[in-house]
Protein backbone atom coordinates (compact mmCIF):
# COMPACT_ATOMS: atom_id res chain seq x y z
CA MET A 1 13.93 -16.23 7.24
CA ASN A 2 15.24 -19.73 6.52
CA THR A 3 12.38 -21.00 4.36
CA MET A 4 10.50 -19.35 1.52
CA GLN A 5 7.42 -17.53 2.75
CA LEU A 6 4.29 -17.83 0.61
CA VAL A 7 2.19 -14.70 0.93
CA LEU A 8 -1.34 -13.94 -0.25
CA SER A 9 -1.96 -10.35 -1.33
CA LEU A 10 -5.50 -9.01 -0.95
CA PHE A 11 -6.63 -5.81 -2.70
CA PRO A 12 -3.34 -5.88 -4.68
CA GLY A 13 -4.12 -3.08 -7.15
CA ILE A 14 -1.08 -2.64 -9.37
CA GLY A 15 1.01 -4.55 -6.85
CA LEU A 16 3.32 -1.97 -5.25
CA LEU A 17 3.27 -3.64 -1.82
CA ASP A 18 3.58 -7.03 -3.53
CA ARG A 19 6.62 -5.85 -5.44
CA ALA A 20 8.29 -4.66 -2.24
CA PHE A 21 7.74 -8.01 -0.53
CA GLU A 22 8.99 -9.89 -3.58
CA GLU A 23 12.15 -7.80 -3.60
CA GLU A 24 12.73 -8.85 0.02
CA GLY A 25 12.51 -12.56 -0.76
CA PHE A 26 8.81 -13.37 -0.26
CA THR A 27 6.75 -15.27 -2.84
CA VAL A 28 3.51 -13.37 -3.41
CA VAL A 29 0.24 -14.73 -4.83
CA ARG A 30 -2.21 -12.03 -5.83
CA GLY A 31 -5.86 -12.32 -4.87
CA PRO A 32 -8.81 -10.74 -6.70
CA ASP A 33 -9.01 -6.99 -7.21
CA LEU A 34 -11.79 -4.77 -8.50
CA LEU A 35 -9.26 -3.21 -10.86
CA TRP A 36 -9.01 -6.50 -12.76
CA GLY A 37 -12.66 -7.50 -12.44
CA GLY A 38 -12.28 -9.52 -9.23
CA ASP A 39 -14.64 -9.58 -6.26
CA ILE A 40 -13.19 -10.07 -2.77
CA LYS A 41 -16.64 -10.97 -1.44
CA ARG A 42 -16.70 -14.13 -3.55
CA PHE A 43 -13.11 -15.11 -2.76
CA HIS A 44 -12.36 -17.92 -0.31
CA PRO A 45 -8.66 -18.69 0.26
CA PRO A 46 -7.61 -22.24 1.19
CA SER A 47 -6.80 -22.91 4.82
CA SER A 48 -3.22 -23.28 6.08
CA ARG A 49 -1.63 -22.78 2.64
CA PHE A 50 -0.21 -19.28 3.11
CA ASP A 51 2.42 -18.20 5.62
CA GLY A 52 1.23 -14.59 5.56
CA ILE A 53 -1.40 -12.25 4.16
CA ILE A 54 -0.80 -8.64 3.16
CA GLY A 55 -3.16 -6.01 1.83
CA GLY A 56 -4.67 -2.58 2.01
CA PRO A 57 -8.49 -2.54 1.90
CA PRO A 58 -9.83 0.58 0.12
CA CYS A 59 -9.26 3.48 2.48
CA GLN A 60 -11.65 6.12 1.11
CA ALA A 61 -14.25 5.39 3.78
CA PHE A 62 -11.77 6.44 6.48
CA SER A 63 -9.75 9.08 4.64
CA THR A 64 -9.91 12.80 5.38
CA LEU A 65 -10.33 13.22 1.60
CA ARG A 66 -13.33 10.91 1.39
CA ASN A 67 -15.63 13.64 0.08
CA ILE A 68 -13.55 14.34 -3.00
CA GLY A 69 -11.87 12.25 -5.64
CA ASP A 70 -12.38 8.49 -5.63
CA PRO A 71 -15.83 7.01 -4.94
CA VAL A 72 -16.30 5.44 -1.54
CA HIS A 73 -16.25 1.64 -1.69
CA GLY A 74 -17.45 1.20 1.85
CA ASN A 75 -15.67 -0.63 4.65
CA LEU A 76 -14.04 -3.76 3.23
CA ILE A 77 -11.88 -4.47 6.28
CA PRO A 78 -14.39 -7.16 7.38
CA GLU A 79 -13.66 -8.98 4.11
CA PHE A 80 -9.95 -8.78 4.88
CA GLU A 81 -10.64 -10.21 8.34
CA ARG A 82 -12.80 -12.99 6.90
CA CYS A 83 -10.06 -14.08 4.49
CA ILE A 84 -7.54 -14.20 7.33
CA ALA A 85 -9.89 -16.34 9.43
CA GLU A 86 -10.40 -18.72 6.49
CA ALA A 87 -6.74 -18.91 5.44
CA TRP A 88 -5.32 -18.98 9.00
CA PRO A 89 -1.80 -17.73 8.14
CA GLN A 90 1.05 -17.36 10.62
CA TRP A 91 0.89 -13.58 10.28
CA PHE A 92 -0.86 -10.78 8.43
CA LEU A 93 -0.17 -7.15 7.63
CA MET A 94 -2.81 -4.53 6.82
CA GLU A 95 -1.89 -1.05 5.66
CA ASN A 96 -4.40 1.77 5.63
CA VAL A 97 -4.93 5.42 6.54
CA ARG A 98 -4.55 6.65 10.08
CA GLY A 99 -8.28 6.73 10.77
CA ALA A 100 -8.99 3.15 9.72
CA PRO A 101 -10.04 0.72 12.47
CA LEU A 102 -7.65 -2.06 13.43
CA PRO A 103 -8.42 -5.49 12.01
CA PHE A 104 -9.72 -8.02 14.51
CA VAL A 105 -9.47 -11.78 13.99
CA ASN A 106 -9.97 -14.29 16.80
CA GLY A 107 -6.70 -15.91 17.78
CA TYR A 108 -4.43 -13.08 16.60
CA VAL A 109 -2.75 -10.30 18.54
CA VAL A 110 -2.51 -7.11 16.51
CA HIS A 111 0.13 -4.41 16.96
CA SER A 112 -0.33 -1.13 15.11
CA VAL A 113 2.26 1.50 14.17
CA LEU A 114 2.08 4.75 12.23
CA ALA A 115 4.76 5.26 9.60
CA ASN A 116 5.48 8.15 7.28
CA ASN A 117 7.14 7.68 3.92
CA ARG A 118 9.50 10.52 4.88
CA HIS A 119 10.88 8.38 7.69
CA PHE A 120 12.58 6.25 5.04
CA GLY A 121 14.45 9.05 3.29
CA GLU A 122 11.73 10.00 0.80
CA ILE A 123 10.28 13.47 0.21
CA GLN A 124 6.60 12.51 -0.16
CA ASN A 125 4.63 13.07 3.04
CA ARG A 126 2.50 9.93 3.26
CA LEU A 127 1.31 8.66 6.64
CA ARG A 128 0.00 5.10 6.87
CA ARG A 129 -1.17 2.82 9.68
CA LEU A 130 0.43 -0.62 9.65
CA SER A 131 -1.38 -3.36 11.56
CA PHE A 132 0.65 -6.52 12.13
CA GLY A 133 -1.15 -9.58 13.45
CA THR A 134 0.37 -12.81 14.74
CA ILE A 135 -0.74 -15.61 17.01
CA SER A 136 2.24 -15.10 19.31
CA GLY A 137 1.96 -11.30 19.53
CA LEU A 138 5.05 -10.24 17.57
CA ALA A 139 5.56 -6.54 16.86
CA LEU A 140 7.05 -4.67 13.91
CA HIS A 141 10.22 -2.66 14.37
CA LEU A 142 10.76 -0.42 11.37
CA ASP A 143 14.26 0.69 10.46
CA THR A 144 13.82 4.45 9.95
CA GLN A 145 16.27 7.24 9.27
CA VAL A 146 17.27 9.74 11.94
CA PHE A 147 16.59 12.84 9.84
CA GLU A 148 13.89 13.59 7.30
CA PRO A 149 14.84 15.04 3.89
CA LEU A 150 14.89 18.83 3.53
CA ASP A 151 12.63 18.65 0.47
CA TRP A 152 8.95 18.02 1.02
CA ALA A 153 6.12 16.87 -1.24
CA ALA A 154 2.41 16.49 -0.52
CA THR A 155 0.75 13.09 -0.50
CA VAL A 156 0.00 11.63 -3.92
CA THR A 157 -3.77 11.20 -4.23
CA SER A 158 -6.09 10.83 -7.19
CA ALA A 159 -8.09 13.77 -5.84
CA HIS A 160 -5.03 15.98 -6.26
CA GLY A 161 -4.06 14.74 -9.70
CA GLY A 162 -3.68 16.53 -12.97
CA ASP A 163 -1.09 17.72 -15.42
CA ARG A 164 -0.15 21.00 -13.73
CA LYS A 165 3.24 20.82 -12.08
CA THR A 166 4.10 22.00 -8.57
CA HIS A 167 7.34 22.71 -6.78
CA HIS A 168 8.13 19.75 -4.54
CA ASN A 169 10.32 21.72 -2.15
CA THR A 170 7.58 24.15 -1.17
CA ARG A 171 5.62 23.41 1.99
CA THR A 172 2.07 24.64 1.34
CA TYR A 173 -1.05 23.82 3.34
CA GLY A 174 -4.68 24.35 2.43
CA LYS A 175 -3.89 24.06 -1.27
CA ILE A 176 -4.72 21.43 -3.89
CA TRP A 177 -1.47 19.91 -5.06
CA ARG A 178 -1.48 18.61 -8.60
CA TYR A 179 0.94 16.02 -9.92
CA THR A 180 1.42 14.61 -13.36
CA VAL A 181 1.32 10.82 -13.62
CA GLU A 182 5.09 10.85 -14.12
CA GLU A 183 5.66 12.91 -10.97
CA ALA A 184 3.34 10.64 -8.99
CA CYS A 185 5.24 7.57 -10.14
CA VAL A 186 8.58 9.02 -9.03
CA LEU A 187 7.18 10.07 -5.65
CA GLN A 188 5.90 6.51 -5.14
CA GLY A 189 9.34 5.08 -5.91
CA LEU A 190 8.65 4.02 -9.51
CA PRO A 191 10.29 5.11 -12.77
CA ALA A 192 8.58 8.04 -14.45
CA ASP A 193 7.74 5.89 -17.51
CA PHE A 194 6.11 3.12 -15.44
CA PHE A 195 3.00 3.35 -17.65
CA GLY A 196 5.01 3.74 -20.83
CA THR A 197 5.52 6.88 -22.87
CA ARG A 198 2.87 9.21 -24.22
CA ARG A 199 4.62 9.85 -27.53
CA HIS A 200 4.89 6.34 -28.94
CA SER A 201 1.62 4.43 -29.34
CA ALA A 202 3.36 1.04 -29.04
CA GLU A 203 4.55 1.95 -25.54
CA ARG A 204 1.42 3.76 -24.43
CA SER A 205 -0.62 2.40 -21.53
CA PRO A 206 -4.22 1.37 -22.32
CA PHE A 207 -5.35 3.14 -19.14
CA ARG A 208 -6.44 6.77 -19.21
CA ARG A 209 -4.35 9.29 -17.31
CA GLU A 210 -6.96 9.64 -14.56
CA ALA A 211 -6.98 5.87 -14.05
CA GLN A 212 -3.19 5.72 -14.01
CA LEU A 213 -3.04 8.35 -11.29
CA ARG A 214 -5.71 6.57 -9.24
CA MET A 215 -3.81 3.28 -9.42
CA ILE A 216 -0.55 4.94 -8.40
CA ALA A 217 -2.21 6.92 -5.58
CA ASN A 218 -3.78 3.79 -4.10
CA GLY A 219 -0.43 2.02 -3.79
CA VAL A 220 2.15 1.86 -1.02
CA PRO A 221 5.38 3.74 -1.82
CA LEU A 222 8.07 1.22 -2.70
CA PRO A 223 10.62 2.54 -0.15
CA MET A 224 8.05 2.20 2.64
CA GLY A 225 6.98 -1.21 1.35
CA ARG A 226 10.54 -2.49 1.37
CA ALA A 227 11.07 -1.30 4.94
CA VAL A 228 7.83 -2.97 6.03
CA ALA A 229 8.79 -6.24 4.31
CA ARG A 230 12.19 -6.21 6.02
CA ALA A 231 10.51 -5.59 9.38
CA VAL A 232 8.09 -8.48 8.81
CA ARG A 233 10.98 -10.75 7.83
CA ALA A 234 12.89 -9.81 10.99
CA ALA A 235 9.80 -10.35 13.18
CA ILE A 236 8.91 -13.79 11.88
CA ALA A 237 12.55 -14.87 12.08
CA GLN A 238 12.09 -14.86 15.85
């Protein structure tokens, strides 16, 4: 990537995917998010200003856990598609759950791949669909590890949150896994004190624990995000 890539982030949340792209040399501008009082439906990006667009529209409508936990926001992928059509970037990347439909924008060829966070040396089992769209039909080639870690941890979700600890190296199905906020942060690639400490009021986050867990659960794990950003950088270098 010879020139600086300016990227627009839609549905940024707390910016985990943004952070990964920034670490890989992209310049990221964050769009509106419901978390900060923004409304994607009233947002209109300028045309031909951004090299790329990244984002993960709320996935609850397509998730297997849609009946528990977070409220369903409905399908906002059409808003993601509209912003791409208005901005007309060179490329875009949408991450979502496996069951989400692929984005469709006239003029773009979309390639989709499934990636698990464990493929990048992490213990959290988190499967995501990555849809990469370009005008010339480029595809993503993720650099994954040959072997998965021996330890295993269930997907971090707000539906499975709480303050009761679990053993990460135990493979258990049909059970509600509960993580503390600190555990969830570590599993997503963040420091345990990402939201500050609970003991000292000056360092305490203004968000309630339930909100902290929801924000963490809605993000892309940093190790996966970095791998995706590197793959995008390699693709557009062609």
